[in-house]
Amino acid sequence: MTFDLDHWKERLRERLDGWWRRAERAGATSVYAGLTAAALWPLVEAAQKGEMIQVILALGAVSGGVGANLIAEQIQRWKDRTDRIGEEDVAAWVEERVGREGNLRNALDDILERLEVVAAVGAGLGADERRAFEDALRTDLERLGNLARFQATVCGSGAIAQGDRSVAAGAGGVAAGRDIRESVVTTGDVFEVISRLRPGTRSKDQIDKQLREERESWGTR
């Protein structure tokens, strides 16, 4: 199978299954470096199999500019090495350089965001595990200075939102995007389904009343 963006996503989903539990057992010191290493590893594997051109094309579909070039150049170096490298080597490279190279960090952020890496990890966790994962990642993002980009993704209280126009709410809260179309909203406590409300057809008081009634009805189920 020729490596492409879909293959990258498929291999990444496999690697992210149970990722946080493995990271905790291993005593990972940087969640950000570990996540980006997991995301980059399918590219490294494909390059080692002689598919470097396909790797560059897949990477270019997700990120571009100086940062993407830095990643491609490093993957080429790993490909050319005669000794064995592992995912931990990729994580070490990220941790060493990401704090001082903004272009690289932007490209890695693109990968995490557009491949929905954080959401994929969080989706497989229970509430306590998800909170621990979010807290650890938030600490890394604050240290690196890119928390603002992921603010909607790592917002605490069991809520994770990622992707275009995504929103999130904390425990017991209700989150809704600009267009509500039979939206399923993760609040951290329950899943709430809010019927579509056409703009301009209802007053704010009417909408608030409906939302209160729907929330109260969940409490009786």
C-alpha atoms as a PDB file:
ATOM      1  CA  MET A   1       0.000   0.000   0.000  1.00  0.00           C
ATOM      2  CA  THR A   2       1.423   3.361  -1.037  1.00  0.00           C
ATOM      3  CA  PHE A   3       1.774   5.748   1.874  1.00  0.00           C
ATOM      4  CA  ASP A   4      -0.569   8.745   1.804  1.00  0.00           C
ATOM      5  CA  LEU A   5      -2.512  10.974   4.183  1.00  0.00           C
ATOM      6  CA  ASP A   6      -5.218   8.364   4.767  1.00  0.00           C
ATOM      7  CA  HIS A   7      -2.616   5.718   5.553  1.00  0.00           C
ATOM      8  CA  TRP A   8      -0.932   8.149   7.944  1.00  0.00           C
ATOM      9  CA  LYS A   9      -4.215   8.729   9.772  1.00  0.00           C
ATOM     10  CA  GLU A  10      -4.905   5.006   9.973  1.00  0.00           C
ATOM     11  CA  ARG A  11      -1.478   4.177  11.385  1.00  0.00           C
ATOM     12  CA  LEU A  12      -1.754   7.076  13.825  1.00  0.00           C
ATOM     13  CA  ARG A  13      -5.115   5.880  15.140  1.00  0.00           C
ATOM     14  CA  GLU A  14      -3.524   2.518  15.879  1.00  0.00           C
ATOM     15  CA  ARG A  15      -0.644   4.131  17.753  1.00  0.00           C
ATOM     16  CA  LEU A  16      -2.887   6.410  19.797  1.00  0.00           C
ATOM     17  CA  ASP A  17      -5.009   3.557  21.125  1.00  0.00           C
ATOM     18  CA  GLY A  18      -4.026   3.328  24.807  1.00  0.00           C
ATOM     19  CA  TRP A  19      -1.314   5.967  24.340  1.00  0.00           C
ATOM     20  CA  TRP A  20      -1.895   7.864  27.607  1.00  0.00           C
ATOM     21  CA  ARG A  21      -1.789   4.718  29.742  1.00  0.00           C
ATOM     22  CA  ARG A  22       1.493   3.673  28.145  1.00  0.00           C
ATOM     23  CA  ALA A  23       2.911   7.172  28.605  1.00  0.00           C
ATOM     24  CA  GLU A  24       1.968   7.187  32.290  1.00  0.00           C
ATOM     25  CA  ARG A  25       3.544   3.784  32.887  1.00  0.00           C
ATOM     26  CA  ALA A  26       6.719   4.910  31.129  1.00  0.00           C
ATOM     27  CA  GLY A  27       6.889   8.113  33.191  1.00  0.00           C
ATOM     28  CA  ALA A  28       6.801  10.401  30.150  1.00  0.00           C
ATOM     29  CA  THR A  29       8.162  13.847  31.000  1.00  0.00           C
ATOM     30  CA  SER A  30       6.606  15.720  28.058  1.00  0.00           C
ATOM     31  CA  VAL A  31       3.137  14.882  26.802  1.00  0.00           C
ATOM     32  CA  TYR A  32       3.517  17.290  23.878  1.00  0.00           C
ATOM     33  CA  ALA A  33       6.756  15.672  22.718  1.00  0.00           C
ATOM     34  CA  GLY A  34       5.257  12.213  23.115  1.00  0.00           C
ATOM     35  CA  LEU A  35       2.126  13.052  21.147  1.00  0.00           C
ATOM     36  CA  THR A  36       4.014  14.675  18.300  1.00  0.00           C
ATOM     37  CA  ALA A  37       6.465  11.765  18.209  1.00  0.00           C
ATOM     38  CA  ALA A  38       3.553   9.332  17.911  1.00  0.00           C
ATOM     39  CA  ALA A  39       2.132  11.474  15.105  1.00  0.00           C
ATOM     40  CA  LEU A  40       5.462  11.636  13.250  1.00  0.00           C
ATOM     41  CA  TRP A  41       6.384   7.979  13.651  1.00  0.00           C
ATOM     42  CA  PRO A  42       4.264   6.670  10.728  1.00  0.00           C
ATOM     43  CA  LEU A  43       6.158   9.135   8.506  1.00  0.00           C
ATOM     44  CA  VAL A  44       9.491   7.827   9.768  1.00  0.00           C
ATOM     45  CA  GLU A  45       8.433   4.226   9.161  1.00  0.00           C
ATOM     46  CA  ALA A  46       7.291   5.024   5.624  1.00  0.00           C
ATOM     47  CA  ALA A  47      10.546   6.864   4.862  1.00  0.00           C
ATOM     48  CA  GLN A  48      12.561   3.888   6.082  1.00  0.00           C
ATOM     49  CA  LYS A  49      10.644   1.752   3.582  1.00  0.00           C
ATOM     50  CA  GLY A  50      11.710   4.008   0.720  1.00  0.00           C
ATOM     51  CA  GLU A  51       8.586   6.166   0.464  1.00  0.00           C
ATOM     52  CA  MET A  52      10.185   9.516   1.222  1.00  0.00           C
ATOM     53  CA  ILE A  53       8.414  11.310  -1.630  1.00  0.00           C
ATOM     54  CA  GLN A  54       5.046  10.039  -0.400  1.00  0.00           C
ATOM     55  CA  VAL A  55       5.972  11.158   3.117  1.00  0.00           C
ATOM     56  CA  ILE A  56       6.679  14.690   1.894  1.00  0.00           C
ATOM     57  CA  LEU A  57       3.366  14.802   0.026  1.00  0.00           C
ATOM     58  CA  ALA A  58       1.415  13.617   3.067  1.00  0.00           C
ATOM     59  CA  LEU A  59       3.213  16.073   5.329  1.00  0.00           C
ATOM     60  CA  GLY A  60       2.554  18.888   2.858  1.00  0.00           C
ATOM     61  CA  ALA A  61      -1.160  18.152   2.997  1.00  0.00           C
ATOM     62  CA  VAL A  62      -1.150  18.909   6.733  1.00  0.00           C
ATOM     63  CA  SER A  63       1.466  21.639   7.183  1.00  0.00           C
ATOM     64  CA  GLY A  64       3.831  23.770   5.148  1.00  0.00           C
ATOM     65  CA  GLY A  65       6.497  26.419   5.319  1.00  0.00           C
ATOM     66  CA  VAL A  66       9.792  26.352   7.172  1.00  0.00           C
ATOM     67  CA  GLY A  67       8.528  24.110   9.963  1.00  0.00           C
ATOM     68  CA  ALA A  68       7.355  21.361   7.627  1.00  0.00           C
ATOM     69  CA  ASN A  69      10.703  21.532   5.806  1.00  0.00           C
ATOM     70  CA  LEU A  70      12.536  21.092   9.114  1.00  0.00           C
ATOM     71  CA  ILE A  71      10.476  17.994   9.853  1.00  0.00           C
ATOM     72  CA  ALA A  72      11.054  16.544   6.373  1.00  0.00           C
ATOM     73  CA  GLU A  73      14.805  17.135   6.620  1.00  0.00           C
ATOM     74  CA  GLN A  74      14.963  15.417   9.994  1.00  0.00           C
ATOM     75  CA  ILE A  75      12.961  12.440   8.748  1.00  0.00           C
ATOM     76  CA  GLN A  76      15.491  12.121   5.921  1.00  0.00           C
ATOM     77  CA  ARG A  77      18.308  12.086   8.504  1.00  0.00           C
ATOM     78  CA  TRP A  78      16.588   9.368  10.501  1.00  0.00           C
ATOM     79  CA  LYS A  79      16.066   7.393   7.298  1.00  0.00           C
ATOM     80  CA  ASP A  80      19.765   7.618   6.453  1.00  0.00           C
ATOM     81  CA  ARG A  81      20.996   6.509   9.875  1.00  0.00           C
ATOM     82  CA  THR A  82      22.493   3.053  10.084  1.00  0.00           C
ATOM     83  CA  ASP A  83      21.649   2.502  13.738  1.00  0.00           C
ATOM     84  CA  ARG A  84      18.163   1.717  14.960  1.00  0.00           C
ATOM     85  CA  ILE A  85      15.954   4.593  16.078  1.00  0.00           C
ATOM     86  CA  GLY A  86      12.659   4.506  17.927  1.00  0.00           C
ATOM     87  CA  GLU A  87       9.752   6.730  18.760  1.00  0.00           C
ATOM     88  CA  GLU A  88      11.592   7.844  21.901  1.00  0.00           C
ATOM     89  CA  ASP A  89      14.328   9.335  19.694  1.00  0.00           C
ATOM     90  CA  VAL A  90      11.714  11.366  17.843  1.00  0.00           C
ATOM     91  CA  ALA A  91      10.279  12.595  21.158  1.00  0.00           C
ATOM     92  CA  ALA A  92      13.758  13.590  22.343  1.00  0.00           C
ATOM     93  CA  TRP A  93      14.355  15.569  19.132  1.00  0.00           C
ATOM     94  CA  VAL A  94      11.043  17.391  19.542  1.00  0.00           C
ATOM     95  CA  GLU A  95      11.695  18.183  23.200  1.00  0.00           C
ATOM     96  CA  GLU A  96      15.184  19.497  22.436  1.00  0.00           C
ATOM     97  CA  ARG A  97      14.145  21.881  19.662  1.00  0.00           C
ATOM     98  CA  VAL A  98      10.488  22.806  19.962  1.00  0.00           C
ATOM     99  CA  GLY A  99      10.961  25.341  22.749  1.00  0.00           C
ATOM    100  CA  ARG A 100      13.356  27.492  20.715  1.00  0.00           C
ATOM    101  CA  GLU A 101      12.147  26.977  17.133  1.00  0.00           C
ATOM    102  CA  GLY A 102       8.791  28.618  16.569  1.00  0.00           C
ATOM    103  CA  ASN A 103       8.466  27.457  12.958  1.00  0.00           C
ATOM    104  CA  LEU A 104       8.914  23.853  14.026  1.00  0.00           C
ATOM    105  CA  ARG A 105       6.399  24.252  16.838  1.00  0.00           C
ATOM    106  CA  ASN A 106       3.841  25.733  14.438  1.00  0.00           C
ATOM    107  CA  ALA A 107       4.205  22.778  12.083  1.00  0.00           C
ATOM    108  CA  LEU A 108       3.906  20.276  14.925  1.00  0.00           C
ATOM    109  CA  ASP A 109       0.837  22.138  16.169  1.00  0.00           C
ATOM    110  CA  ASP A 110      -0.634  21.850  12.659  1.00  0.00           C
ATOM    111  CA  ILE A 111      -0.150  18.084  12.782  1.00  0.00           C
ATOM    112  CA  LEU A 112      -1.716  17.699  16.228  1.00  0.00           C
ATOM    113  CA  GLU A 113      -4.635  19.916  15.285  1.00  0.00           C
ATOM    114  CA  ARG A 114      -5.432  18.720  11.770  1.00  0.00           C
ATOM    115  CA  LEU A 115      -5.028  15.033  12.592  1.00  0.00           C
ATOM    116  CA  GLU A 116      -7.097  15.588  15.771  1.00  0.00           C
ATOM    117  CA  VAL A 117      -4.491  13.828  17.888  1.00  0.00           C
ATOM    118  CA  VAL A 118      -5.523  15.260  21.259  1.00  0.00           C
ATOM    119  CA  ALA A 119      -9.192  14.439  20.737  1.00  0.00           C
ATOM    120  CA  ALA A 120      -8.327  10.894  19.645  1.00  0.00           C
ATOM    121  CA  VAL A 121      -6.356  10.229  22.830  1.00  0.00           C
ATOM    122  CA  GLY A 122      -8.971  11.802  25.090  1.00  0.00           C
ATOM    123  CA  ALA A 123     -11.853   9.903  23.497  1.00  0.00           C
ATOM    124  CA  GLY A 124     -10.540   6.592  24.798  1.00  0.00           C
ATOM    125  CA  LEU A 125     -10.146   7.713  28.416  1.00  0.00           C
ATOM    126  CA  GLY A 126     -12.388   7.736  31.452  1.00  0.00           C
ATOM    127  CA  ALA A 127     -13.125  11.010  33.213  1.00  0.00           C
ATOM    128  CA  ASP A 128     -10.245  10.812  35.717  1.00  0.00           C
ATOM    129  CA  GLU A 129      -7.712   9.680  33.122  1.00  0.00           C
ATOM    130  CA  ARG A 130      -8.844  12.346  30.688  1.00  0.00           C
ATOM    131  CA  ARG A 131      -8.473  15.038  33.341  1.00  0.00           C
ATOM    132  CA  ALA A 132      -4.941  13.861  34.154  1.00  0.00           C
ATOM    133  CA  PHE A 133      -4.061  13.800  30.444  1.00  0.00           C
ATOM    134  CA  GLU A 134      -5.444  17.290  29.867  1.00  0.00           C
ATOM    135  CA  ASP A 135      -3.658  18.697  32.913  1.00  0.00           C
ATOM    136  CA  ALA A 136      -0.317  17.245  31.823  1.00  0.00           C
ATOM    137  CA  LEU A 137      -0.719  18.508  28.260  1.00  0.00           C
ATOM    138  CA  ARG A 138      -1.833  21.937  29.444  1.00  0.00           C
ATOM    139  CA  THR A 139       1.332  22.228  31.532  1.00  0.00           C
ATOM    140  CA  ASP A 140       3.441  21.510  28.449  1.00  0.00           C
ATOM    141  CA  LEU A 141       1.507  23.952  26.277  1.00  0.00           C
ATOM    142  CA  GLU A 142       1.848  26.725  28.843  1.00  0.00           C
ATOM    143  CA  ARG A 143       5.585  26.089  29.014  1.00  0.00           C
ATOM    144  CA  LEU A 144       5.940  26.158  25.228  1.00  0.00           C
ATOM    145  CA  GLY A 145       3.726  29.204  24.769  1.00  0.00           C
ATOM    146  CA  ASN A 146       1.166  27.592  22.461  1.00  0.00           C
ATOM    147  CA  LEU A 147      -1.696  27.018  24.888  1.00  0.00           C
ATOM    148  CA  ALA A 148      -3.821  29.677  23.163  1.00  0.00           C
ATOM    149  CA  ARG A 149      -3.958  27.612  19.985  1.00  0.00           C
ATOM    150  CA  PHE A 150      -5.269  24.591  21.881  1.00  0.00           C
ATOM    151  CA  GLN A 151      -7.382  26.431  24.441  1.00  0.00           C
ATOM    152  CA  ALA A 152     -10.598  24.923  23.073  1.00  0.00           C
ATOM    153  CA  THR A 153      -9.004  21.493  22.913  1.00  0.00           C
ATOM    154  CA  VAL A 154      -7.613  21.332  26.428  1.00  0.00           C
ATOM    155  CA  CYS A 155     -10.136  23.174  28.529  1.00  0.00           C
ATOM    156  CA  GLY A 156     -10.414  20.963  31.587  1.00  0.00           C
ATOM    157  CA  SER A 157     -13.401  19.506  33.436  1.00  0.00           C
ATOM    158  CA  GLY A 158     -13.666  16.583  31.079  1.00  0.00           C
ATOM    159  CA  ALA A 159     -14.348  18.562  27.923  1.00  0.00           C
ATOM    160  CA  ILE A 160     -12.399  18.174  24.706  1.00  0.00           C
ATOM    161  CA  ALA A 161     -13.125  20.005  21.458  1.00  0.00           C
ATOM    162  CA  GLN A 162     -10.962  20.012  18.359  1.00  0.00           C
ATOM    163  CA  GLY A 163     -11.330  21.032  14.726  1.00  0.00           C
ATOM    164  CA  ASP A 164     -12.873  23.932  12.851  1.00  0.00           C
ATOM    165  CA  ARG A 165     -15.474  25.894  14.865  1.00  0.00           C
ATOM    166  CA  SER A 166     -15.265  23.416  17.750  1.00  0.00           C
ATOM    167  CA  VAL A 167     -16.369  24.508  21.197  1.00  0.00           C
ATOM    168  CA  ALA A 168     -16.268  22.889  24.611  1.00  0.00           C
ATOM    169  CA  ALA A 169     -17.767  23.294  28.049  1.00  0.00           C
ATOM    170  CA  GLY A 170     -16.687  22.260  31.512  1.00  0.00           C
ATOM    171  CA  ALA A 171     -18.464  19.868  33.841  1.00  0.00           C
ATOM    172  CA  GLY A 172     -22.197  20.420  33.726  1.00  0.00           C
ATOM    173  CA  GLY A 173     -21.895  23.154  31.086  1.00  0.00           C
ATOM    174  CA  VAL A 174     -23.477  23.376  27.682  1.00  0.00           C
ATOM    175  CA  ALA A 175     -21.426  24.240  24.601  1.00  0.00           C
ATOM    176  CA  ALA A 176     -22.922  25.199  21.268  1.00  0.00           C
ATOM    177  CA  GLY A 177     -21.383  26.352  17.992  1.00  0.00           C
ATOM    178  CA  ARG A 178     -22.610  29.112  15.724  1.00  0.00           C
ATOM    179  CA  ASP A 179     -24.915  26.739  13.822  1.00  0.00           C
ATOM    180  CA  ILE A 180     -26.623  24.108  15.962  1.00  0.00           C
ATOM    181  CA  ARG A 181     -27.626  21.187  13.780  1.00  0.00           C
ATOM    182  CA  GLU A 182     -28.705  18.281  15.966  1.00  0.00           C
ATOM    183  CA  SER A 183     -25.446  18.871  17.814  1.00  0.00           C
ATOM    184  CA  VAL A 184     -24.082  16.290  20.220  1.00  0.00           C
ATOM    185  CA  VAL A 185     -22.257  18.207  22.931  1.00  0.00           C
ATOM    186  CA  THR A 186     -19.833  16.632  25.400  1.00  0.00           C
ATOM    187  CA  THR A 187     -20.188  18.359  28.750  1.00  0.00           C
ATOM    188  CA  GLY A 188     -18.016  15.999  30.781  1.00  0.00           C
ATOM    189  CA  ASP A 189     -21.060  14.688  32.653  1.00  0.00           C
ATOM    190  CA  VAL A 190     -23.596  13.779  29.981  1.00  0.00           C
ATOM    191  CA  PHE A 191     -24.185  13.978  26.246  1.00  0.00           C
ATOM    192  CA  GLU A 192     -26.845  16.524  25.410  1.00  0.00           C
ATOM    193  CA  VAL A 193     -28.649  16.740  22.085  1.00  0.00           C
ATOM    194  CA  ILE A 194     -29.928  20.200  21.231  1.00  0.00           C
ATOM    195  CA  SER A 195     -32.397  20.579  18.370  1.00  0.00           C
ATOM    196  CA  ARG A 196     -31.541  22.967  15.588  1.00  0.00           C
ATOM    197  CA  LEU A 197     -32.726  26.518  16.234  1.00  0.00           C
ATOM    198  CA  ARG A 198     -32.972  28.642  13.107  1.00  0.00           C
ATOM    199  CA  PRO A 199     -31.412  32.097  13.594  1.00  0.00           C
ATOM    200  CA  GLY A 200     -33.973  34.843  14.104  1.00  0.00           C
ATOM    201  CA  THR A 201     -36.950  32.553  14.742  1.00  0.00           C
ATOM    202  CA  ARG A 202     -36.805  32.592  18.540  1.00  0.00           C
ATOM    203  CA  SER A 203     -35.989  35.095  21.211  1.00  0.00           C
ATOM    204  CA  LYS A 204     -33.083  34.638  23.581  1.00  0.00           C
ATOM    205  CA  ASP A 205     -35.520  34.017  26.475  1.00  0.00           C
ATOM    206  CA  GLN A 206     -37.279  31.273  24.516  1.00  0.00           C
ATOM    207  CA  ILE A 207     -33.997  29.593  23.646  1.00  0.00           C
ATOM    208  CA  ASP A 208     -32.765  29.813  27.244  1.00  0.00           C
ATOM    209  CA  LYS A 209     -36.054  28.318  28.465  1.00  0.00           C
ATOM    210  CA  GLN A 210     -35.782  25.386  26.056  1.00  0.00           C
ATOM    211  CA  LEU A 211     -32.188  24.697  27.067  1.00  0.00           C
ATOM    212  CA  ARG A 212     -33.137  24.752  30.768  1.00  0.00           C
ATOM    213  CA  GLU A 213     -36.002  22.336  30.156  1.00  0.00           C
ATOM    214  CA  GLU A 214     -33.768  19.977  28.184  1.00  0.00           C
ATOM    215  CA  ARG A 215     -31.116  20.016  30.913  1.00  0.00           C
ATOM    216  CA  GLU A 216     -33.736  19.376  33.611  1.00  0.00           C
ATOM    217  CA  SER A 217     -35.155  16.472  31.625  1.00  0.00           C
ATOM    218  CA  TRP A 218     -31.719  14.833  31.587  1.00  0.00           C
ATOM    219  CA  GLY A 219     -31.677  14.920  35.367  1.00  0.00           C
ATOM    220  CA  THR A 220     -34.766  12.696  35.501  1.00  0.00           C
ATOM    221  CA  ARG A 221     -33.459  10.031  33.101  1.00  0.00           C
END
